[in-house]
Amino acid sequence: MKEGIHPRYELTEVRCSCGNVFTTKTTARSMEVEICSACHPFFTGTQKMVDTAGRIERFKKRYSLEK
């Protein structure tokens, strides 16, 4: 690599809005994220299906999937 034209690639602390802090390497000086693997529903297993105005029931009824 040419000297003096690339940004510094160094360890940086990443802070999540849930309070989790972890370290990674990046060219950014600091990072703040809204969601991380510690609070994301897919990784935590707390994923919930939100039924808005009975859409699931309407779908099941329309395609005769409800028993």
C-alpha atoms as a PDB file:
ATOM      1  CA  MET A   1       0.000   0.000   0.000  1.00  0.00           C
ATOM      2  CA  LYS A   2       1.129   3.537  -0.652  1.00  0.00           C
ATOM      3  CA  GLU A   3       2.035   5.466   2.470  1.00  0.00           C
ATOM      4  CA  GLY A   4      -0.056   8.455   3.525  1.00  0.00           C
ATOM      5  CA  ILE A   5      -3.138   7.966   1.322  1.00  0.00           C
ATOM      6  CA  HIS A   6      -5.103   5.359   3.296  1.00  0.00           C
ATOM      7  CA  PRO A   7      -7.129   6.004   6.462  1.00  0.00           C
ATOM      8  CA  ARG A   8      -5.907   4.425   9.695  1.00  0.00           C
ATOM      9  CA  TYR A   9      -7.389   0.991  10.387  1.00  0.00           C
ATOM     10  CA  GLU A  10      -7.496   0.606  14.146  1.00  0.00           C
ATOM     11  CA  LEU A  11      -9.463  -0.880  17.048  1.00  0.00           C
ATOM     12  CA  THR A  12     -12.683   0.991  17.817  1.00  0.00           C
ATOM     13  CA  GLU A  13     -15.359   0.561  20.479  1.00  0.00           C
ATOM     14  CA  VAL A  14     -18.871   0.133  19.124  1.00  0.00           C
ATOM     15  CA  ARG A  15     -21.680   1.217  21.446  1.00  0.00           C
ATOM     16  CA  CYS A  16     -25.239  -0.022  21.046  1.00  0.00           C
ATOM     17  CA  SER A  17     -28.343   1.764  22.317  1.00  0.00           C
ATOM     18  CA  CYS A  18     -29.040  -1.306  24.521  1.00  0.00           C
ATOM     19  CA  GLY A  19     -25.799  -0.654  26.417  1.00  0.00           C
ATOM     20  CA  ASN A  20     -23.687  -3.385  24.832  1.00  0.00           C
ATOM     21  CA  VAL A  21     -20.108  -2.375  23.981  1.00  0.00           C
ATOM     22  CA  PHE A  22     -17.753  -4.407  21.781  1.00  0.00           C
ATOM     23  CA  THR A  23     -14.500  -3.826  19.937  1.00  0.00           C
ATOM     24  CA  THR A  24     -13.863  -4.147  16.219  1.00  0.00           C
ATOM     25  CA  LYS A  25     -11.391  -2.855  13.658  1.00  0.00           C
ATOM     26  CA  THR A  26     -12.545  -0.023  11.419  1.00  0.00           C
ATOM     27  CA  THR A  27     -11.473   3.259   9.889  1.00  0.00           C
ATOM     28  CA  ALA A  28     -14.142   5.155  11.872  1.00  0.00           C
ATOM     29  CA  ARG A  29     -13.022   6.767  15.118  1.00  0.00           C
ATOM     30  CA  SER A  30     -16.171   5.771  17.020  1.00  0.00           C
ATOM     31  CA  MET A  31     -19.435   4.012  16.209  1.00  0.00           C
ATOM     32  CA  GLU A  32     -22.886   4.065  17.769  1.00  0.00           C
ATOM     33  CA  VAL A  33     -25.506   1.617  16.532  1.00  0.00           C
ATOM     34  CA  GLU A  34     -29.205   1.220  17.308  1.00  0.00           C
ATOM     35  CA  ILE A  35     -29.279  -2.572  17.321  1.00  0.00           C
ATOM     36  CA  CYS A  36     -26.623  -5.272  17.770  1.00  0.00           C
ATOM     37  CA  SER A  37     -26.437  -9.049  18.081  1.00  0.00           C
ATOM     38  CA  ALA A  38     -27.098  -8.791  21.835  1.00  0.00           C
ATOM     39  CA  CYS A  39     -30.491  -7.110  21.382  1.00  0.00           C
ATOM     40  CA  HIS A  40     -31.611  -8.111  17.859  1.00  0.00           C
ATOM     41  CA  PRO A  41     -34.692 -10.384  18.019  1.00  0.00           C
ATOM     42  CA  PHE A  42     -33.267 -12.859  15.489  1.00  0.00           C
ATOM     43  CA  PHE A  43     -30.188 -13.557  17.637  1.00  0.00           C
ATOM     44  CA  THR A  44     -31.899 -13.416  21.048  1.00  0.00           C
ATOM     45  CA  GLY A  45     -34.800 -15.721  20.143  1.00  0.00           C
ATOM     46  CA  THR A  46     -37.414 -13.229  21.333  1.00  0.00           C
ATOM     47  CA  GLN A  47     -38.819 -12.658  17.868  1.00  0.00           C
ATOM     48  CA  LYS A  48     -42.558 -12.031  17.965  1.00  0.00           C
ATOM     49  CA  MET A  49     -45.025 -12.111  15.135  1.00  0.00           C
ATOM     50  CA  VAL A  50     -47.122  -8.972  15.197  1.00  0.00           C
ATOM     51  CA  ASP A  51     -50.627  -9.405  13.858  1.00  0.00           C
ATOM     52  CA  THR A  52     -51.964  -6.111  12.590  1.00  0.00           C
ATOM     53  CA  ALA A  53     -55.748  -5.994  12.262  1.00  0.00           C
ATOM     54  CA  GLY A  54     -56.162  -9.785  11.916  1.00  0.00           C
ATOM     55  CA  ARG A  55     -54.092 -10.138   8.761  1.00  0.00           C
ATOM     56  CA  ILE A  56     -52.930 -13.641   9.655  1.00  0.00           C
ATOM     57  CA  GLU A  57     -56.470 -14.859  10.263  1.00  0.00           C
ATOM     58  CA  ARG A  58     -57.675 -13.274   7.010  1.00  0.00           C
ATOM     59  CA  PHE A  59     -54.827 -14.970   5.116  1.00  0.00           C
ATOM     60  CA  LYS A  60     -55.603 -18.360   6.647  1.00  0.00           C
ATOM     61  CA  LYS A  61     -59.316 -17.953   5.979  1.00  0.00           C
ATOM     62  CA  ARG A  62     -58.781 -16.845   2.381  1.00  0.00           C
ATOM     63  CA  TYR A  63     -56.538 -19.790   1.547  1.00  0.00           C
ATOM     64  CA  SER A  64     -58.431 -22.327   3.713  1.00  0.00           C
ATOM     65  CA  LEU A  65     -55.475 -22.982   5.975  1.00  0.00           C
ATOM     66  CA  GLU A  66     -57.426 -22.545   9.194  1.00  0.00           C
ATOM     67  CA  LYS A  67     -58.710 -25.790  10.665  1.00  0.00           C
END
